[in-house]
Amino acid sequence: MEEIKEKIFEIKIGEEEQYVQIKISNLEDDQKSIMIQIIDVSKEILYDKEKAHTELLNLINATVSHEMRNPLNSIHSQNIENKALYDELEELIKDDEIDTDIIK
């Protein structure tokens, strides 16, 4: 039965990042022979990092842009909610269901 062990290592050469994947597998069932593969996976890893970074920036940009375009929506919603609470409180005071001494 062939057993494969894999690990990815980061190697820095000067300012450049390099990533290699090392695979070790047994060639025969008696486990006397092994095969070692060293594969350069730098492009895939760097692409994934750049893609994640771009998605994060897009998310931040969309959120900030939305809030900058629509600041009055949240203010307006809060005013409607406050008006409804005020009207409900006023109705309770008129019906003498609340002690007005607490409000003063």
N, C-alpha and C. Protein backbone atom coordinates (compact mmCIF):
# COMPACT_ATOMS: atom_id res chain seq x y z
N MET A 1 0.84 -1.18 0.00
CA MET A 1 0.00 0.00 0.00
C MET A 1 0.88 1.24 0.00
N GLU A 2 0.60 2.16 -0.88
CA GLU A 2 1.41 3.36 -1.02
C GLU A 2 0.94 4.43 -0.04
N GLU A 3 1.84 4.90 0.80
CA GLU A 3 1.53 5.96 1.75
C GLU A 3 2.21 7.23 1.27
N ILE A 4 1.43 8.32 1.21
CA ILE A 4 1.99 9.59 0.74
C ILE A 4 1.97 10.59 1.88
N LYS A 5 3.11 11.21 2.11
CA LYS A 5 3.21 12.27 3.10
C LYS A 5 3.53 13.54 2.33
N GLU A 6 2.80 14.63 2.65
CA GLU A 6 3.00 15.89 1.96
C GLU A 6 3.21 17.02 2.95
N LYS A 7 4.00 17.99 2.56
CA LYS A 7 4.17 19.19 3.37
C LYS A 7 4.61 20.31 2.45
N ILE A 8 4.13 21.53 2.74
CA ILE A 8 4.51 22.70 1.95
C ILE A 8 5.41 23.57 2.80
N PHE A 9 6.52 24.01 2.22
CA PHE A 9 7.49 24.85 2.90
C PHE A 9 7.60 26.19 2.20
N GLU A 10 7.82 27.24 2.98
CA GLU A 10 8.07 28.57 2.42
C GLU A 10 9.56 28.82 2.47
N ILE A 11 10.10 29.23 1.35
CA ILE A 11 11.53 29.52 1.26
C ILE A 11 11.67 30.96 0.78
N LYS A 12 12.47 31.75 1.47
CA LYS A 12 12.71 33.14 1.04
C LYS A 12 14.11 33.23 0.47
N ILE A 13 14.17 33.71 -0.75
CA ILE A 13 15.45 33.95 -1.40
C ILE A 13 15.50 35.44 -1.69
N GLY A 14 16.22 36.18 -0.87
CA GLY A 14 16.24 37.64 -0.98
C GLY A 14 14.88 38.17 -0.59
N GLU A 15 14.27 38.94 -1.45
CA GLU A 15 12.94 39.50 -1.21
C GLU A 15 11.83 38.62 -1.78
N GLU A 16 12.19 37.62 -2.54
CA GLU A 16 11.21 36.80 -3.25
C GLU A 16 10.78 35.60 -2.42
N GLU A 17 9.46 35.36 -2.38
CA GLU A 17 8.92 34.20 -1.67
C GLU A 17 8.81 33.03 -2.64
N GLN A 18 9.26 31.88 -2.20
CA GLN A 18 9.13 30.65 -2.98
C GLN A 18 8.45 29.61 -2.10
N TYR A 19 7.60 28.80 -2.68
CA TYR A 19 6.92 27.74 -1.95
C TYR A 19 7.17 26.43 -2.68
N VAL A 20 7.57 25.43 -1.91
CA VAL A 20 7.78 24.10 -2.48
C VAL A 20 6.95 23.09 -1.70
N GLN A 21 6.43 22.13 -2.43
CA GLN A 21 5.68 21.04 -1.81
C GLN A 21 6.55 19.79 -1.93
N ILE A 22 6.73 19.13 -0.80
CA ILE A 22 7.53 17.92 -0.79
C ILE A 22 6.59 16.74 -0.54
N LYS A 23 6.63 15.78 -1.44
CA LYS A 23 5.83 14.56 -1.31
C LYS A 23 6.76 13.37 -1.16
N ILE A 24 6.49 12.56 -0.16
CA ILE A 24 7.27 11.35 0.06
C ILE A 24 6.31 10.17 0.00
N SER A 25 6.63 9.20 -0.85
CA SER A 25 5.76 8.04 -0.98
C SER A 25 6.60 6.78 -1.10
N ASN A 26 6.03 5.68 -0.63
CA ASN A 26 6.69 4.38 -0.74
C ASN A 26 6.42 3.81 -2.13
N LEU A 27 7.44 3.26 -2.73
CA LEU A 27 7.28 2.68 -4.07
C LEU A 27 6.82 1.23 -4.03
N GLU A 28 7.22 0.52 -3.01
CA GLU A 28 6.88 -0.89 -2.92
C GLU A 28 6.25 -1.18 -1.57
N ASP A 29 5.62 -2.31 -1.47
CA ASP A 29 4.98 -2.70 -0.21
C ASP A 29 5.98 -3.01 0.90
N ASP A 30 7.19 -3.38 0.53
CA ASP A 30 8.17 -3.72 1.57
C ASP A 30 8.80 -2.48 2.20
N GLN A 31 8.48 -1.33 1.70
CA GLN A 31 8.89 -0.03 2.24
C GLN A 31 10.41 0.18 2.23
N LYS A 32 11.09 -0.48 1.31
CA LYS A 32 12.53 -0.29 1.19
C LYS A 32 12.87 0.85 0.23
N SER A 33 11.96 1.16 -0.64
CA SER A 33 12.20 2.21 -1.63
C SER A 33 11.18 3.33 -1.44
N ILE A 34 11.66 4.55 -1.52
CA ILE A 34 10.76 5.70 -1.43
C ILE A 34 11.01 6.64 -2.60
N MET A 35 10.01 7.44 -2.88
CA MET A 35 10.14 8.45 -3.92
C MET A 35 9.89 9.81 -3.27
N ILE A 36 10.77 10.75 -3.54
CA ILE A 36 10.63 12.11 -3.01
C ILE A 36 10.41 13.04 -4.20
N GLN A 37 9.32 13.80 -4.14
CA GLN A 37 9.02 14.78 -5.18
C GLN A 37 9.11 16.17 -4.56
N ILE A 38 9.79 17.07 -5.22
CA ILE A 38 9.84 18.47 -4.80
C ILE A 38 9.20 19.27 -5.92
N ILE A 39 8.06 19.91 -5.59
CA ILE A 39 7.26 20.60 -6.60
C ILE A 39 7.18 22.08 -6.23
N ASP A 40 7.47 22.94 -7.20
CA ASP A 40 7.35 24.39 -6.98
C ASP A 40 5.86 24.77 -7.09
N VAL A 41 5.27 25.19 -5.97
CA VAL A 41 3.86 25.59 -5.94
C VAL A 41 3.73 27.10 -5.65
N SER A 42 4.78 27.84 -5.94
CA SER A 42 4.80 29.28 -5.64
C SER A 42 3.67 30.02 -6.33
N LYS A 43 3.47 29.76 -7.60
CA LYS A 43 2.44 30.49 -8.35
C LYS A 43 1.06 30.26 -7.76
N GLU A 44 0.75 29.02 -7.41
CA GLU A 44 -0.57 28.70 -6.86
C GLU A 44 -0.78 29.37 -5.49
N ILE A 45 0.23 29.30 -4.63
CA ILE A 45 0.12 29.89 -3.29
C ILE A 45 0.01 31.41 -3.39
N LEU A 46 0.88 32.02 -4.18
CA LEU A 46 0.85 33.48 -4.32
C LEU A 46 -0.45 33.95 -4.97
N TYR A 47 -0.97 33.18 -5.93
CA TYR A 47 -2.25 33.51 -6.54
C TYR A 47 -3.38 33.46 -5.50
N ASP A 48 -3.39 32.41 -4.67
CA ASP A 48 -4.41 32.29 -3.63
C ASP A 48 -4.32 33.44 -2.62
N LYS A 49 -3.11 33.81 -2.24
CA LYS A 49 -2.93 34.94 -1.30
C LYS A 49 -3.43 36.24 -1.91
N GLU A 50 -3.08 36.47 -3.17
CA GLU A 50 -3.50 37.70 -3.85
C GLU A 50 -5.01 37.73 -4.03
N LYS A 51 -5.60 36.59 -4.35
CA LYS A 51 -7.05 36.50 -4.52
C LYS A 51 -7.76 36.80 -3.19
N ALA A 52 -7.27 36.24 -2.09
CA ALA A 52 -7.87 36.49 -0.77
C ALA A 52 -7.72 37.96 -0.40
N HIS A 53 -6.57 38.55 -0.69
CA HIS A 53 -6.34 39.97 -0.39
C HIS A 53 -7.29 40.84 -1.21
N THR A 54 -7.46 40.53 -2.47
CA THR A 54 -8.35 41.30 -3.34
C THR A 54 -9.80 41.18 -2.88
N GLU A 55 -10.22 39.97 -2.49
CA GLU A 55 -11.59 39.78 -2.00
C GLU A 55 -11.83 40.57 -0.73
N LEU A 56 -10.85 40.62 0.16
CA LEU A 56 -10.98 41.40 1.39
C LEU A 56 -11.10 42.89 1.08
N LEU A 57 -10.27 43.39 0.18
CA LEU A 57 -10.35 44.81 -0.20
C LEU A 57 -11.69 45.13 -0.86
N ASN A 58 -12.19 44.23 -1.70
CA ASN A 58 -13.49 44.44 -2.33
C ASN A 58 -14.61 44.50 -1.31
N LEU A 59 -14.56 43.62 -0.31
CA LEU A 59 -15.56 43.61 0.75
C LEU A 59 -15.52 44.90 1.55
N ILE A 60 -14.33 45.33 1.93
CA ILE A 60 -14.19 46.59 2.68
C ILE A 60 -14.69 47.76 1.85
N ASN A 61 -14.31 47.79 0.58
CA ASN A 61 -14.72 48.88 -0.30
C ASN A 61 -16.24 48.91 -0.46
N ALA A 62 -16.86 47.76 -0.64
CA ALA A 62 -18.32 47.71 -0.80
C ALA A 62 -19.03 48.18 0.45
N THR A 63 -18.53 47.76 1.61
CA THR A 63 -19.16 48.15 2.87
C THR A 63 -19.03 49.64 3.11
N VAL A 64 -17.83 50.17 2.94
CA VAL A 64 -17.61 51.59 3.17
C VAL A 64 -18.37 52.43 2.15
N SER A 65 -18.36 52.02 0.90
CA SER A 65 -19.07 52.76 -0.14
C SER A 65 -20.57 52.81 0.16
N HIS A 66 -21.13 51.68 0.59
CA HIS A 66 -22.55 51.64 0.91
C HIS A 66 -22.87 52.60 2.06
N GLU A 67 -22.06 52.57 3.11
CA GLU A 67 -22.32 53.44 4.25
C GLU A 67 -22.12 54.91 3.90
N MET A 68 -21.21 55.21 3.02
CA MET A 68 -20.99 56.60 2.62
C MET A 68 -22.13 57.11 1.74
N ARG A 69 -22.69 56.24 0.92
CA ARG A 69 -23.78 56.65 0.05
C ARG A 69 -25.09 56.77 0.80
N ASN A 70 -25.27 55.99 1.85
CA ASN A 70 -26.56 55.90 2.51
C ASN A 70 -26.53 56.24 4.00
N PRO A 71 -25.88 57.33 4.41
CA PRO A 71 -25.86 57.61 5.85
C PRO A 71 -27.23 58.04 6.37
N LEU A 72 -28.04 58.63 5.52
CA LEU A 72 -29.34 59.11 5.97
C LEU A 72 -30.33 57.98 6.20
N ASN A 73 -30.12 56.84 5.58
CA ASN A 73 -31.03 55.71 5.80
C ASN A 73 -31.06 55.28 7.26
N SER A 74 -29.89 55.17 7.87
CA SER A 74 -29.85 54.75 9.27
C SER A 74 -30.42 55.82 10.18
N ILE A 75 -30.16 57.08 9.88
CA ILE A 75 -30.72 58.18 10.68
C ILE A 75 -32.23 58.20 10.56
N HIS A 76 -32.73 58.06 9.35
CA HIS A 76 -34.17 58.07 9.11
C HIS A 76 -34.85 56.90 9.82
N SER A 77 -34.26 55.71 9.75
CA SER A 77 -34.83 54.54 10.43
C SER A 77 -34.88 54.74 11.93
N GLN A 78 -33.83 55.30 12.48
CA GLN A 78 -33.79 55.55 13.92
C GLN A 78 -34.87 56.57 14.32
N ASN A 79 -35.07 57.59 13.50
CA ASN A 79 -36.11 58.59 13.79
C ASN A 79 -37.50 57.98 13.75
N ILE A 80 -37.76 57.10 12.81
CA ILE A 80 -39.06 56.44 12.73
C ILE A 80 -39.29 55.59 13.96
N GLU A 81 -38.26 54.85 14.38
CA GLU A 81 -38.37 54.01 15.57
C GLU A 81 -38.60 54.86 16.82
N ASN A 82 -37.87 55.96 16.93
CA ASN A 82 -38.05 56.85 18.10
C ASN A 82 -39.44 57.47 18.11
N LYS A 83 -39.96 57.85 16.94
CA LYS A 83 -41.30 58.44 16.85
C LYS A 83 -42.35 57.42 17.29
N ALA A 84 -42.19 56.17 16.87
CA ALA A 84 -43.14 55.13 17.26
C ALA A 84 -43.11 54.91 18.77
N LEU A 85 -41.92 54.89 19.35
CA LEU A 85 -41.82 54.74 20.81
C LEU A 85 -42.41 55.94 21.54
N TYR A 86 -42.17 57.13 21.01
CA TYR A 86 -42.71 58.35 21.61
C TYR A 86 -44.24 58.34 21.55
N ASP A 87 -44.80 57.97 20.42
CA ASP A 87 -46.26 57.91 20.28
C ASP A 87 -46.87 56.89 21.23
N GLU A 88 -46.21 55.74 21.38
CA GLU A 88 -46.69 54.71 22.29
C GLU A 88 -46.65 55.21 23.73
N LEU A 89 -45.59 55.89 24.10
CA LEU A 89 -45.46 56.44 25.46
C LEU A 89 -46.51 57.51 25.70
N GLU A 90 -46.74 58.35 24.70
CA GLU A 90 -47.75 59.40 24.82
C GLU A 90 -49.15 58.80 25.01
N GLU A 91 -49.43 57.73 24.30
CA GLU A 91 -50.73 57.05 24.42
C GLU A 91 -50.90 56.46 25.82
N LEU A 92 -49.84 55.87 26.34
CA LEU A 92 -49.91 55.31 27.69
C LEU A 92 -50.14 56.40 28.73
N ILE A 93 -49.53 57.55 28.54
CA ILE A 93 -49.71 58.66 29.48
C ILE A 93 -51.16 59.17 29.43
N LYS A 94 -51.71 59.27 28.23
CA LYS A 94 -53.10 59.73 28.08
C LYS A 94 -54.07 58.77 28.76
N ASP A 95 -53.77 57.47 28.68
CA ASP A 95 -54.65 56.47 29.27
C ASP A 95 -54.38 56.26 30.76
N ASP A 96 -53.48 57.05 31.32
CA ASP A 96 -53.09 56.95 32.74
C ASP A 96 -52.63 55.54 33.11
N GLU A 97 -52.00 54.87 32.19
CA GLU A 97 -51.48 53.54 32.48
C GLU A 97 -50.04 53.60 33.00
N ILE A 98 -49.48 54.80 33.02
CA ILE A 98 -48.11 54.95 33.50
C ILE A 98 -48.08 56.10 34.48
N ASP A 99 -47.27 55.99 35.50
CA ASP A 99 -47.15 57.02 36.51
C ASP A 99 -46.33 58.17 35.93
N THR A 100 -46.96 59.34 35.76
CA THR A 100 -46.29 60.47 35.12
C THR A 100 -45.25 61.11 36.05
N ASP A 101 -45.28 60.82 37.35
CA ASP A 101 -44.28 61.37 38.25
C ASP A 101 -42.89 60.81 37.92
N ILE A 102 -42.83 59.62 37.37
CA ILE A 102 -41.55 59.02 37.00
C ILE A 102 -40.92 59.79 35.85
N ILE A 103 -41.75 60.25 34.92
CA ILE A 103 -41.26 60.96 33.73
C ILE A 103 -40.71 62.33 34.10
N LYS A 104 -41.36 63.00 35.06
CA LYS A 104 -40.92 64.34 35.45
C LYS A 104 -39.66 64.21 36.19
